[in-house]
Amino acid sequence: MPISRRRVIAGLGAVSTLALLPRAAFAKYPERPIRLIVPFAAGGNADIVGRIVGDRISNALGQPVVIENRGGAGGGIGAEAVARSAPDGYTLLVASNGPLTVNPFVQAKLGYDPLKDFAPIALTSYVPHVIILNSKVEAKTIADLIALSKKAQISIATSGVGSATHMTLERFKAASGANIVHVPYRSGGALMPDLIGGSIQAAMTEFSTALPLHKAGQAHIIAIAAASRSKLAPDIATFIESGVPNFVAQSYIGVVAPTGTPAPVIADLQKAIAAGLTSGEAPGKLRGMGSEIATAKQMTPDGFADFIRTDYENMRQAAKLAGITPQ
């Protein structure tokens, strides 16, 4: 069939238009390595979970996932770096309480808006907080610790000013009346050598970080801030059992991207994370270190967004209870 001049011109116009479109419109994501920024030093819960999740993303999408630790400001430095990065799916944040839902209530000047500058991808897991004491502290229970603090102030370390464990420590002080001084560190992993060595008396930290020391007899956990005892260490009482009513606290880990990241990219990442954390060896690894796997709903962008908003309001109330004001 003969081709009219009009049809030829129209076809050339379409080709020209397609040529002007960015290459990304045709490219299959991802084409290059993905950076996964952990906003804390290596060795803590966020770093460990981030590396497990990074491996799952890499296996599913066929590109390396490079872990980059950018600690400081309660996770704020790494979070700001991601918020300001290109929304193309190649720079992601291992998101947690600190940068998303604690910093707004302890830091007066943030370089990002935690509710507006990030696109939630998936919640991965959460882990309860615990109080762990060095072997020189004779307290065996929360009641013992409170009693000791009345005689002499107790030093308790956390993973840093404005961290999730710092907020939990402040809540514990307000709820118990214990005489405690806060000792901030760079991360949960960084404080452990000083705890073992006796430089600090105790730490409020994640169960996953403290459990190996407890099992090895290098230090002892006296309470876990969960609704029920952990199957990994059923000898450890909850704060509630120990006389601190309704005291539950946890660190959560998820993955977010900069706002504006294309929906198909978010979908690819979400599928990779959800599949990787519900099959294979990853679930066992997380549970083995004391973490609980997020629910199927929480592993969706909408479910994670709801979780963040709820925790944001909980932290607002916790900061008010503890008398914390942004500085």
C-alpha atoms as a PDB file:
ATOM      1  CA  MET A   1       0.000   0.000   0.000  1.00  0.00           C
ATOM      2  CA  PRO A   2       1.482   3.406  -0.947  1.00  0.00           C
ATOM      3  CA  ILE A   3       2.560   5.625   1.929  1.00  0.00           C
ATOM      4  CA  SER A   4       1.346   9.197   1.801  1.00  0.00           C
ATOM      5  CA  ARG A   5       3.661  12.161   2.311  1.00  0.00           C
ATOM      6  CA  ARG A   6       1.561  13.172   5.331  1.00  0.00           C
ATOM      7  CA  ARG A   7       2.098   9.800   7.012  1.00  0.00           C
ATOM      8  CA  VAL A   8       5.866   9.952   6.421  1.00  0.00           C
ATOM      9  CA  ILE A   9       6.103  13.427   7.981  1.00  0.00           C
ATOM     10  CA  ALA A  10       4.014  12.323  10.948  1.00  0.00           C
ATOM     11  CA  GLY A  11       6.259   9.315  11.456  1.00  0.00           C
ATOM     12  CA  LEU A  12       9.413  11.417  11.333  1.00  0.00           C
ATOM     13  CA  GLY A  13       7.869  13.779  13.878  1.00  0.00           C
ATOM     14  CA  ALA A  14       7.213  10.883  16.227  1.00  0.00           C
ATOM     15  CA  VAL A  15      10.796   9.656  15.908  1.00  0.00           C
ATOM     16  CA  SER A  16      12.112  13.141  16.621  1.00  0.00           C
ATOM     17  CA  THR A  17       9.905  13.431  19.684  1.00  0.00           C
ATOM     18  CA  LEU A  18      11.073  10.065  21.000  1.00  0.00           C
ATOM     19  CA  ALA A  19      14.687  11.053  20.474  1.00  0.00           C
ATOM     20  CA  LEU A  20      14.218  14.072  22.684  1.00  0.00           C
ATOM     21  CA  LEU A  21      12.978  12.012  25.624  1.00  0.00           C
ATOM     22  CA  PRO A  22      15.562  11.242  28.314  1.00  0.00           C
ATOM     23  CA  ARG A  23      17.301   7.905  28.106  1.00  0.00           C
ATOM     24  CA  ALA A  24      15.906   7.028  31.523  1.00  0.00           C
ATOM     25  CA  ALA A  25      12.454   6.810  29.948  1.00  0.00           C
ATOM     26  CA  PHE A  26      13.575   3.637  28.185  1.00  0.00           C
ATOM     27  CA  ALA A  27      16.174   2.289  30.557  1.00  0.00           C
ATOM     28  CA  LYS A  28      15.480  -0.637  32.824  1.00  0.00           C
ATOM     29  CA  TYR A  29      16.106   0.242  36.450  1.00  0.00           C
ATOM     30  CA  PRO A  30      18.689  -0.188  37.839  1.00  0.00           C
ATOM     31  CA  GLU A  31      21.529   0.273  35.347  1.00  0.00           C
ATOM     32  CA  ARG A  32      24.267   0.955  37.885  1.00  0.00           C
ATOM     33  CA  PRO A  33      25.064   0.333  41.571  1.00  0.00           C
ATOM     34  CA  ILE A  34      22.669   1.656  44.204  1.00  0.00           C
ATOM     35  CA  ARG A  35      23.927   3.569  47.244  1.00  0.00           C
ATOM     36  CA  LEU A  36      22.238   2.632  50.512  1.00  0.00           C
ATOM     37  CA  ILE A  37      23.158   5.223  53.117  1.00  0.00           C
ATOM     38  CA  VAL A  38      23.186   4.110  56.752  1.00  0.00           C
ATOM     39  CA  PRO A  39      23.037   7.311  58.835  1.00  0.00           C
ATOM     40  CA  PHE A  40      24.962   5.764  61.731  1.00  0.00           C
ATOM     41  CA  ALA A  41      28.393   4.254  62.316  1.00  0.00           C
ATOM     42  CA  ALA A  42      29.038   0.628  61.430  1.00  0.00           C
ATOM     43  CA  GLY A  43      28.151  -2.097  63.918  1.00  0.00           C
ATOM     44  CA  GLY A  44      24.771  -0.951  65.185  1.00  0.00           C
ATOM     45  CA  ASN A  45      21.329  -2.339  64.419  1.00  0.00           C
ATOM     46  CA  ALA A  46      20.674  -0.034  61.450  1.00  0.00           C
ATOM     47  CA  ASP A  47      23.977  -1.018  59.866  1.00  0.00           C
ATOM     48  CA  ILE A  48      23.431  -4.751  60.332  1.00  0.00           C
ATOM     49  CA  VAL A  49      19.874  -4.720  59.010  1.00  0.00           C
ATOM     50  CA  GLY A  50      20.840  -2.342  56.194  1.00  0.00           C
ATOM     51  CA  ARG A  51      23.466  -4.769  54.940  1.00  0.00           C
ATOM     52  CA  ILE A  52      21.015  -7.676  55.021  1.00  0.00           C
ATOM     53  CA  VAL A  53      18.430  -5.632  53.120  1.00  0.00           C
ATOM     54  CA  GLY A  54      21.063  -4.364  50.686  1.00  0.00           C
ATOM     55  CA  ASP A  55      21.981  -7.930  49.787  1.00  0.00           C
ATOM     56  CA  ARG A  56      18.323  -8.754  49.123  1.00  0.00           C
ATOM     57  CA  ILE A  57      17.913  -5.725  46.835  1.00  0.00           C
ATOM     58  CA  SER A  58      21.112  -6.582  44.987  1.00  0.00           C
ATOM     59  CA  ASN A  59      20.088 -10.198  44.446  1.00  0.00           C
ATOM     60  CA  ALA A  60      16.643  -9.217  43.171  1.00  0.00           C
ATOM     61  CA  LEU A  61      17.617  -6.313  40.914  1.00  0.00           C
ATOM     62  CA  GLY A  62      20.968  -7.543  39.650  1.00  0.00           C
ATOM     63  CA  GLN A  63      23.111  -4.565  40.647  1.00  0.00           C
ATOM     64  CA  PRO A  64      25.512  -4.070  43.571  1.00  0.00           C
ATOM     65  CA  VAL A  65      24.192  -2.192  46.585  1.00  0.00           C
ATOM     66  CA  VAL A  66      26.961  -0.142  48.171  1.00  0.00           C
ATOM     67  CA  ILE A  67      26.558   0.533  51.890  1.00  0.00           C
ATOM     68  CA  GLU A  68      27.752   3.987  52.923  1.00  0.00           C
ATOM     69  CA  ASN A  69      27.907   4.873  56.628  1.00  0.00           C
ATOM     70  CA  ARG A  70      27.312   8.586  57.298  1.00  0.00           C
ATOM     71  CA  GLY A  71      26.882   8.995  61.025  1.00  0.00           C
ATOM     72  CA  GLY A  72      26.216  12.110  63.049  1.00  0.00           C
ATOM     73  CA  ALA A  73      23.427  14.324  64.377  1.00  0.00           C
ATOM     74  CA  GLY A  74      21.233  11.397  65.397  1.00  0.00           C
ATOM     75  CA  GLY A  75      21.136  10.154  61.820  1.00  0.00           C
ATOM     76  CA  GLY A  76      20.452  13.635  60.465  1.00  0.00           C
ATOM     77  CA  ILE A  77      23.611  13.982  58.367  1.00  0.00           C
ATOM     78  CA  GLY A  78      22.940  10.855  56.335  1.00  0.00           C
ATOM     79  CA  ALA A  79      19.231  11.636  56.070  1.00  0.00           C
ATOM     80  CA  GLU A  80      19.910  15.130  54.737  1.00  0.00           C
ATOM     81  CA  ALA A  81      22.312  13.735  52.146  1.00  0.00           C
ATOM     82  CA  VAL A  82      19.590  11.421  50.821  1.00  0.00           C
ATOM     83  CA  ALA A  83      16.894  14.111  50.940  1.00  0.00           C
ATOM     84  CA  ARG A  84      19.075  16.332  48.738  1.00  0.00           C
ATOM     85  CA  SER A  85      20.082  13.609  46.293  1.00  0.00           C
ATOM     86  CA  ALA A  86      18.564  13.040  42.863  1.00  0.00           C
ATOM     87  CA  PRO A  87      15.197  11.217  43.084  1.00  0.00           C
ATOM     88  CA  ASP A  88      16.227   8.488  40.673  1.00  0.00           C
ATOM     89  CA  GLY A  89      16.354   5.415  42.891  1.00  0.00           C
ATOM     90  CA  TYR A  90      20.141   5.282  43.083  1.00  0.00           C
ATOM     91  CA  THR A  91      20.485   6.827  46.549  1.00  0.00           C
ATOM     92  CA  LEU A  92      18.382   5.343  49.350  1.00  0.00           C
ATOM     93  CA  LEU A  93      18.279   5.721  53.123  1.00  0.00           C
ATOM     94  CA  VAL A  94      18.203   3.073  55.819  1.00  0.00           C
ATOM     95  CA  ALA A  95      15.554   4.942  57.790  1.00  0.00           C
ATOM     96  CA  SER A  96      14.933   4.609  61.500  1.00  0.00           C
ATOM     97  CA  ASN A  97      13.436   6.381  64.513  1.00  0.00           C
ATOM     98  CA  GLY A  98      16.291   8.869  64.875  1.00  0.00           C
ATOM     99  CA  PRO A  99      16.231  10.704  61.554  1.00  0.00           C
ATOM    100  CA  LEU A 100      12.524  10.235  60.840  1.00  0.00           C
ATOM    101  CA  THR A 101      10.589  10.540  64.078  1.00  0.00           C
ATOM    102  CA  VAL A 102      12.918  11.606  66.893  1.00  0.00           C
ATOM    103  CA  ASN A 103      15.091  14.367  65.433  1.00  0.00           C
ATOM    104  CA  PRO A 104      12.144  16.744  64.809  1.00  0.00           C
ATOM    105  CA  PHE A 105      11.601  16.896  68.571  1.00  0.00           C
ATOM    106  CA  VAL A 106      15.207  17.236  69.710  1.00  0.00           C
ATOM    107  CA  GLN A 107      16.880  19.271  66.956  1.00  0.00           C
ATOM    108  CA  ALA A 108      15.734  22.821  66.277  1.00  0.00           C
ATOM    109  CA  LYS A 109      17.288  23.013  62.815  1.00  0.00           C
ATOM    110  CA  LEU A 110      16.958  20.055  60.487  1.00  0.00           C
ATOM    111  CA  GLY A 111      18.237  20.149  56.942  1.00  0.00           C
ATOM    112  CA  TYR A 112      15.252  18.110  55.788  1.00  0.00           C
ATOM    113  CA  ASP A 113      11.577  17.522  56.524  1.00  0.00           C
ATOM    114  CA  PRO A 114      11.128  13.866  57.571  1.00  0.00           C
ATOM    115  CA  LEU A 115       7.466  13.796  56.529  1.00  0.00           C
ATOM    116  CA  LYS A 116       7.850  15.613  53.198  1.00  0.00           C
ATOM    117  CA  ASP A 117      11.313  14.898  51.816  1.00  0.00           C
ATOM    118  CA  PHE A 118      11.169  11.099  51.709  1.00  0.00           C
ATOM    119  CA  ALA A 119       9.129   8.528  49.833  1.00  0.00           C
ATOM    120  CA  PRO A 120       8.590   5.446  52.037  1.00  0.00           C
ATOM    121  CA  ILE A 121       9.398   2.147  50.322  1.00  0.00           C
ATOM    122  CA  ALA A 122       9.070  -0.532  53.008  1.00  0.00           C
ATOM    123  CA  LEU A 123       9.390  -1.100  56.727  1.00  0.00           C
ATOM    124  CA  THR A 124      11.693  -4.073  57.212  1.00  0.00           C
ATOM    125  CA  SER A 125      11.851  -4.881  60.924  1.00  0.00           C
ATOM    126  CA  TYR A 126      11.926  -3.605  64.464  1.00  0.00           C
ATOM    127  CA  VAL A 127      13.763  -4.594  67.625  1.00  0.00           C
ATOM    128  CA  PRO A 128      12.946  -3.878  71.299  1.00  0.00           C
ATOM    129  CA  HIS A 129      15.150  -1.741  73.514  1.00  0.00           C
ATOM    130  CA  VAL A 130      16.837  -3.168  76.611  1.00  0.00           C
ATOM    131  CA  ILE A 131      18.893  -2.037  79.568  1.00  0.00           C
ATOM    132  CA  ILE A 132      22.160  -3.950  79.824  1.00  0.00           C
ATOM    133  CA  LEU A 133      24.601  -3.591  82.732  1.00  0.00           C
ATOM    134  CA  ASN A 134      28.316  -4.295  82.930  1.00  0.00           C
ATOM    135  CA  SER A 135      29.389  -7.179  85.117  1.00  0.00           C
ATOM    136  CA  LYS A 136      30.490  -4.900  87.967  1.00  0.00           C
ATOM    137  CA  VAL A 137      26.968  -3.572  88.536  1.00  0.00           C
ATOM    138  CA  GLU A 138      25.235  -5.962  90.892  1.00  0.00           C
ATOM    139  CA  ALA A 139      21.639  -5.039  90.012  1.00  0.00           C
ATOM    140  CA  LYS A 140      19.627  -7.958  88.684  1.00  0.00           C
ATOM    141  CA  THR A 141      16.311  -6.198  88.141  1.00  0.00           C
ATOM    142  CA  ILE A 142      14.908  -2.789  87.266  1.00  0.00           C
ATOM    143  CA  ALA A 143      13.940  -2.354  90.921  1.00  0.00           C
ATOM    144  CA  ASP A 144      17.548  -3.026  91.931  1.00  0.00           C
ATOM    145  CA  LEU A 145      18.819  -0.484  89.404  1.00  0.00           C
ATOM    146  CA  ILE A 146      16.420   2.216  90.586  1.00  0.00           C
ATOM    147  CA  ALA A 147      17.416   1.558  94.203  1.00  0.00           C
ATOM    148  CA  LEU A 148      21.127   1.813  93.341  1.00  0.00           C
ATOM    149  CA  SER A 149      20.539   5.074  91.484  1.00  0.00           C
ATOM    150  CA  LYS A 150      19.021   6.598  94.608  1.00  0.00           C
ATOM    151  CA  LYS A 151      22.321   5.999  96.423  1.00  0.00           C
ATOM    152  CA  ALA A 152      24.577   7.188  93.585  1.00  0.00           C
ATOM    153  CA  GLN A 153      23.809   8.417  90.091  1.00  0.00           C
ATOM    154  CA  ILE A 154      23.942   5.694  87.416  1.00  0.00           C
ATOM    155  CA  SER A 155      25.543   6.395  84.015  1.00  0.00           C
ATOM    156  CA  ILE A 156      23.600   4.895  81.126  1.00  0.00           C
ATOM    157  CA  ALA A 157      24.846   5.186  77.552  1.00  0.00           C
ATOM    158  CA  THR A 158      22.822   5.349  74.347  1.00  0.00           C
ATOM    159  CA  SER A 159      23.672   5.528  70.660  1.00  0.00           C
ATOM    160  CA  GLY A 160      23.642   9.325  70.714  1.00  0.00           C
ATOM    161  CA  VAL A 161      21.763  12.499  71.514  1.00  0.00           C
ATOM    162  CA  GLY A 162      18.427  12.391  69.740  1.00  0.00           C
ATOM    163  CA  SER A 163      18.622   8.679  69.026  1.00  0.00           C
ATOM    164  CA  ALA A 164      15.684   6.347  69.555  1.00  0.00           C
ATOM    165  CA  THR A 165      17.401   4.800  72.565  1.00  0.00           C
ATOM    166  CA  HIS A 166      18.029   8.239  74.047  1.00  0.00           C
ATOM    167  CA  MET A 167      14.305   8.980  73.810  1.00  0.00           C
ATOM    168  CA  THR A 168      13.550   5.640  75.463  1.00  0.00           C
ATOM    169  CA  LEU A 169      16.019   6.403  78.255  1.00  0.00           C
ATOM    170  CA  GLU A 170      14.329   9.755  78.880  1.00  0.00           C
ATOM    171  CA  ARG A 171      10.950   8.038  79.000  1.00  0.00           C
ATOM    172  CA  PHE A 172      12.331   5.510  81.479  1.00  0.00           C
ATOM    173  CA  LYS A 173      13.726   8.254  83.705  1.00  0.00           C
ATOM    174  CA  ALA A 174      10.389  10.049  83.701  1.00  0.00           C
ATOM    175  CA  ALA A 175       8.425   6.848  84.379  1.00  0.00           C
ATOM    176  CA  SER A 176      10.689   5.434  87.102  1.00  0.00           C
ATOM    177  CA  GLY A 177      12.225   8.431  88.841  1.00  0.00           C
ATOM    178  CA  ALA A 178      15.656   6.787  88.560  1.00  0.00           C
ATOM    179  CA  ASN A 179      18.691   9.041  89.103  1.00  0.00           C
ATOM    180  CA  ILE A 180      20.423   8.615  85.743  1.00  0.00           C
ATOM    181  CA  VAL A 181      22.972  10.567  83.720  1.00  0.00           C
ATOM    182  CA  HIS A 182      22.926  10.112  79.945  1.00  0.00           C
ATOM    183  CA  VAL A 183      26.203   9.240  78.194  1.00  0.00           C
ATOM    184  CA  PRO A 184      25.851   9.629  74.393  1.00  0.00           C
ATOM    185  CA  TYR A 185      27.920   7.595  71.927  1.00  0.00           C
ATOM    186  CA  ARG A 186      28.143   7.516  68.126  1.00  0.00           C
ATOM    187  CA  SER A 187      26.246   4.238  67.801  1.00  0.00           C
ATOM    188  CA  GLY A 188      25.071   1.194  69.706  1.00  0.00           C
ATOM    189  CA  GLY A 189      28.075  -0.752  68.489  1.00  0.00           C
ATOM    190  CA  ALA A 190      30.535   1.946  69.557  1.00  0.00           C
ATOM    191  CA  LEU A 191      29.530   1.889  73.213  1.00  0.00           C
ATOM    192  CA  MET A 192      29.835  -1.849  73.757  1.00  0.00           C
ATOM    193  CA  PRO A 193      33.627  -2.018  74.354  1.00  0.00           C
ATOM    194  CA  ASP A 194      33.322   0.595  77.114  1.00  0.00           C
ATOM    195  CA  LEU A 195      30.400  -1.289  78.642  1.00  0.00           C
ATOM    196  CA  ILE A 196      32.383  -4.522  78.735  1.00  0.00           C
ATOM    197  CA  GLY A 197      35.455  -2.716  80.049  1.00  0.00           C
ATOM    198  CA  GLY A 198      33.527  -1.013  82.825  1.00  0.00           C
ATOM    199  CA  SER A 199      33.948   2.605  81.673  1.00  0.00           C
ATOM    200  CA  ILE A 200      30.175   2.946  81.689  1.00  0.00           C
ATOM    201  CA  GLN A 201      27.780   1.193  84.011  1.00  0.00           C
ATOM    202  CA  ALA A 202      24.911   0.492  81.658  1.00  0.00           C
ATOM    203  CA  ALA A 203      23.394   1.076  78.250  1.00  0.00           C
ATOM    204  CA  MET A 204      19.945   1.507  76.783  1.00  0.00           C
ATOM    205  CA  THR A 205      20.345  -0.161  73.435  1.00  0.00           C
ATOM    206  CA  GLU A 206      18.740  -2.506  70.931  1.00  0.00           C
ATOM    207  CA  PHE A 207      18.149  -6.103  71.957  1.00  0.00           C
ATOM    208  CA  SER A 208      20.025  -7.286  68.876  1.00  0.00           C
ATOM    209  CA  THR A 209      23.152  -5.370  69.920  1.00  0.00           C
ATOM    210  CA  ALA A 210      23.050  -6.480  73.562  1.00  0.00           C
ATOM    211  CA  LEU A 211      22.007 -10.108  73.179  1.00  0.00           C
ATOM    212  CA  PRO A 212      25.432 -11.540  72.192  1.00  0.00           C
ATOM    213  CA  LEU A 213      27.035  -9.959  75.283  1.00  0.00           C
ATOM    214  CA  HIS A 214      24.262 -11.276  77.509  1.00  0.00           C
ATOM    215  CA  LYS A 215      24.608 -14.809  76.155  1.00  0.00           C
ATOM    216  CA  ALA A 216      28.393 -14.706  76.468  1.00  0.00           C
ATOM    217  CA  GLY A 217      28.211 -13.532  80.080  1.00  0.00           C
ATOM    218  CA  GLN A 218      30.126 -10.330  79.294  1.00  0.00           C
ATOM    219  CA  ALA A 219      27.246  -8.151  80.516  1.00  0.00           C
ATOM    220  CA  HIS A 220      23.678  -8.778  81.618  1.00  0.00           C
ATOM    221  CA  ILE A 221      20.343  -7.506  80.333  1.00  0.00           C
ATOM    222  CA  ILE A 222      17.916  -6.752  83.147  1.00  0.00           C
ATOM    223  CA  ALA A 223      14.790  -5.815  81.164  1.00  0.00           C
ATOM    224  CA  ILE A 224      13.393  -5.756  77.647  1.00  0.00           C
ATOM    225  CA  ALA A 225      10.944  -3.074  76.496  1.00  0.00           C
ATOM    226  CA  ALA A 226       8.565  -5.432  74.730  1.00  0.00           C
ATOM    227  CA  ALA A 227       5.007  -6.540  75.378  1.00  0.00           C
ATOM    228  CA  SER A 228       6.223 -10.059  76.138  1.00  0.00           C
ATOM    229  CA  ARG A 229       9.465 -11.886  76.785  1.00  0.00           C
ATOM    230  CA  SER A 230      11.685 -12.810  73.864  1.00  0.00           C
ATOM    231  CA  LYS A 231      11.910 -16.460  72.852  1.00  0.00           C
ATOM    232  CA  LEU A 232      15.638 -15.907  72.344  1.00  0.00           C
ATOM    233  CA  ALA A 233      16.137 -15.038  76.007  1.00  0.00           C
ATOM    234  CA  PRO A 234      13.077 -15.989  78.072  1.00  0.00           C
ATOM    235  CA  ASP A 235      14.992 -15.338  81.295  1.00  0.00           C
ATOM    236  CA  ILE A 236      14.836 -11.573  80.690  1.00  0.00           C
ATOM    237  CA  ALA A 237      11.797  -9.867  82.219  1.00  0.00           C
ATOM    238  CA  THR A 238       9.932  -7.083  80.469  1.00  0.00           C
ATOM    239  CA  PHE A 239       9.867  -3.542  81.834  1.00  0.00           C
ATOM    240  CA  ILE A 240       6.142  -4.036  82.398  1.00  0.00           C
ATOM    241  CA  GLU A 241       6.764  -7.122  84.537  1.00  0.00           C
ATOM    242  CA  SER A 242       9.445  -5.140  86.334  1.00  0.00           C
ATOM    243  CA  GLY A 243       7.013  -2.494  87.518  1.00  0.00           C
ATOM    244  CA  VAL A 244       7.152   0.121  84.724  1.00  0.00           C
ATOM    245  CA  PRO A 245       3.557   0.182  83.397  1.00  0.00           C
ATOM    246  CA  ASN A 246       2.920   0.041  79.641  1.00  0.00           C
ATOM    247  CA  PHE A 247       6.616   0.544  78.862  1.00  0.00           C
ATOM    248  CA  VAL A 248       7.242  -0.634  75.312  1.00  0.00           C
ATOM    249  CA  ALA A 249       9.946   0.845  73.073  1.00  0.00           C
ATOM    250  CA  GLN A 250      11.623  -0.304  69.903  1.00  0.00           C
ATOM    251  CA  SER A 251      13.859   0.738  67.047  1.00  0.00           C
ATOM    252  CA  TYR A 252      12.497   0.255  63.567  1.00  0.00           C
ATOM    253  CA  ILE A 253      14.313  -0.007  60.285  1.00  0.00           C
ATOM    254  CA  GLY A 254      12.946   0.707  56.838  1.00  0.00           C
ATOM    255  CA  VAL A 255      14.037   2.023  53.474  1.00  0.00           C
ATOM    256  CA  VAL A 256      13.060   5.367  51.959  1.00  0.00           C
ATOM    257  CA  ALA A 257      13.973   7.288  48.824  1.00  0.00           C
ATOM    258  CA  PRO A 258      13.967  11.016  48.097  1.00  0.00           C
ATOM    259  CA  THR A 259      10.517  12.415  47.367  1.00  0.00           C
ATOM    260  CA  GLY A 260       9.913  12.479  43.636  1.00  0.00           C
ATOM    261  CA  THR A 261      11.424   9.071  42.958  1.00  0.00           C
ATOM    262  CA  PRO A 262       9.347   7.506  40.141  1.00  0.00           C
ATOM    263  CA  ALA A 263       6.576   5.182  41.281  1.00  0.00           C
ATOM    264  CA  PRO A 264       7.815   2.242  39.124  1.00  0.00           C
ATOM    265  CA  VAL A 265      11.222   2.480  40.804  1.00  0.00           C
ATOM    266  CA  ILE A 266       9.621   2.521  44.250  1.00  0.00           C
ATOM    267  CA  ALA A 267       7.568  -0.516  43.235  1.00  0.00           C
ATOM    268  CA  ASP A 268      10.646  -2.444  42.054  1.00  0.00           C
ATOM    269  CA  LEU A 269      12.482  -1.733  45.287  1.00  0.00           C
ATOM    270  CA  GLN A 270       9.470  -2.616  47.440  1.00  0.00           C
ATOM    271  CA  LYS A 271       9.020  -5.952  45.712  1.00  0.00           C
ATOM    272  CA  ALA A 272      12.702  -6.768  46.119  1.00  0.00           C
ATOM    273  CA  ILE A 273      12.654  -5.969  49.847  1.00  0.00           C
ATOM    274  CA  ALA A 274       9.373  -7.755  50.596  1.00  0.00           C
ATOM    275  CA  ALA A 275      10.398 -10.888  48.701  1.00  0.00           C
ATOM    276  CA  GLY A 276      13.839 -10.922  50.304  1.00  0.00           C
ATOM    277  CA  LEU A 277      12.526 -10.619  53.847  1.00  0.00           C
ATOM    278  CA  THR A 278       9.777 -13.218  53.591  1.00  0.00           C
ATOM    279  CA  SER A 279      11.812 -16.053  52.087  1.00  0.00           C
ATOM    280  CA  GLY A 280      15.334 -17.430  52.073  1.00  0.00           C
ATOM    281  CA  GLU A 281      17.789 -16.915  54.906  1.00  0.00           C
ATOM    282  CA  ALA A 282      17.112 -13.238  55.708  1.00  0.00           C
ATOM    283  CA  PRO A 283      14.094 -13.782  58.017  1.00  0.00           C
ATOM    284  CA  GLY A 284      16.075 -16.261  60.099  1.00  0.00           C
ATOM    285  CA  LYS A 285      19.030 -13.887  60.337  1.00  0.00           C
ATOM    286  CA  LEU A 286      16.853 -11.029  61.547  1.00  0.00           C
ATOM    287  CA  ARG A 287      14.921 -13.109  64.062  1.00  0.00           C
ATOM    288  CA  GLY A 288      18.131 -14.721  65.254  1.00  0.00           C
ATOM    289  CA  MET A 289      19.487 -11.330  66.285  1.00  0.00           C
ATOM    290  CA  GLY A 290      16.307 -10.300  68.090  1.00  0.00           C
ATOM    291  CA  SER A 291      14.432  -8.455  65.356  1.00  0.00           C
ATOM    292  CA  GLU A 292      10.794  -8.899  64.422  1.00  0.00           C
ATOM    293  CA  ILE A 293       9.886  -8.916  60.718  1.00  0.00           C
ATOM    294  CA  ALA A 294       7.477  -6.206  59.579  1.00  0.00           C
ATOM    295  CA  THR A 295       3.993  -7.276  58.485  1.00  0.00           C
ATOM    296  CA  ALA A 296       3.046  -7.513  54.813  1.00  0.00           C
ATOM    297  CA  LYS A 297       1.129  -4.229  55.056  1.00  0.00           C
ATOM    298  CA  GLN A 298       4.032  -2.463  56.764  1.00  0.00           C
ATOM    299  CA  MET A 299       6.273  -3.577  53.910  1.00  0.00           C
ATOM    300  CA  THR A 300       4.287  -1.407  51.464  1.00  0.00           C
ATOM    301  CA  PRO A 301       4.825   2.330  50.858  1.00  0.00           C
ATOM    302  CA  ASP A 302       1.386   3.182  52.265  1.00  0.00           C
ATOM    303  CA  GLY A 303       1.784   0.875  55.250  1.00  0.00           C
ATOM    304  CA  PHE A 304       5.213   2.260  56.093  1.00  0.00           C
ATOM    305  CA  ALA A 305       3.921   5.825  55.706  1.00  0.00           C
ATOM    306  CA  ASP A 306       1.145   5.082  58.224  1.00  0.00           C
ATOM    307  CA  PHE A 307       3.692   3.548  60.605  1.00  0.00           C
ATOM    308  CA  ILE A 308       5.925   6.633  60.373  1.00  0.00           C
ATOM    309  CA  ARG A 309       3.052   9.027  61.057  1.00  0.00           C
ATOM    310  CA  THR A 310       1.956   7.016  64.100  1.00  0.00           C
ATOM    311  CA  ASP A 311       5.463   6.840  65.545  1.00  0.00           C
ATOM    312  CA  TYR A 312       5.958  10.551  64.840  1.00  0.00           C
ATOM    313  CA  GLU A 313       3.025  11.381  67.081  1.00  0.00           C
ATOM    314  CA  ASN A 314       4.184   8.902  69.722  1.00  0.00           C
ATOM    315  CA  MET A 315       7.599  10.595  69.808  1.00  0.00           C
ATOM    316  CA  ARG A 316       5.953  13.993  70.085  1.00  0.00           C
ATOM    317  CA  GLN A 317       4.211  12.775  73.234  1.00  0.00           C
ATOM    318  CA  ALA A 318       7.389  11.085  74.533  1.00  0.00           C
ATOM    319  CA  ALA A 319       9.384  14.303  74.127  1.00  0.00           C
ATOM    320  CA  LYS A 320       6.708  16.232  75.979  1.00  0.00           C
ATOM    321  CA  LEU A 321       6.694  13.665  78.766  1.00  0.00           C
ATOM    322  CA  ALA A 322      10.463  13.852  79.110  1.00  0.00           C
ATOM    323  CA  GLY A 323      10.522  17.649  78.920  1.00  0.00           C
ATOM    324  CA  ILE A 324      12.686  17.606  75.797  1.00  0.00           C
ATOM    325  CA  THR A 325      12.624  20.713  73.595  1.00  0.00           C
ATOM    326  CA  PRO A 326      14.411  21.114  70.232  1.00  0.00           C
ATOM    327  CA  GLN A 327      17.857  22.663  70.561  1.00  0.00           C
END
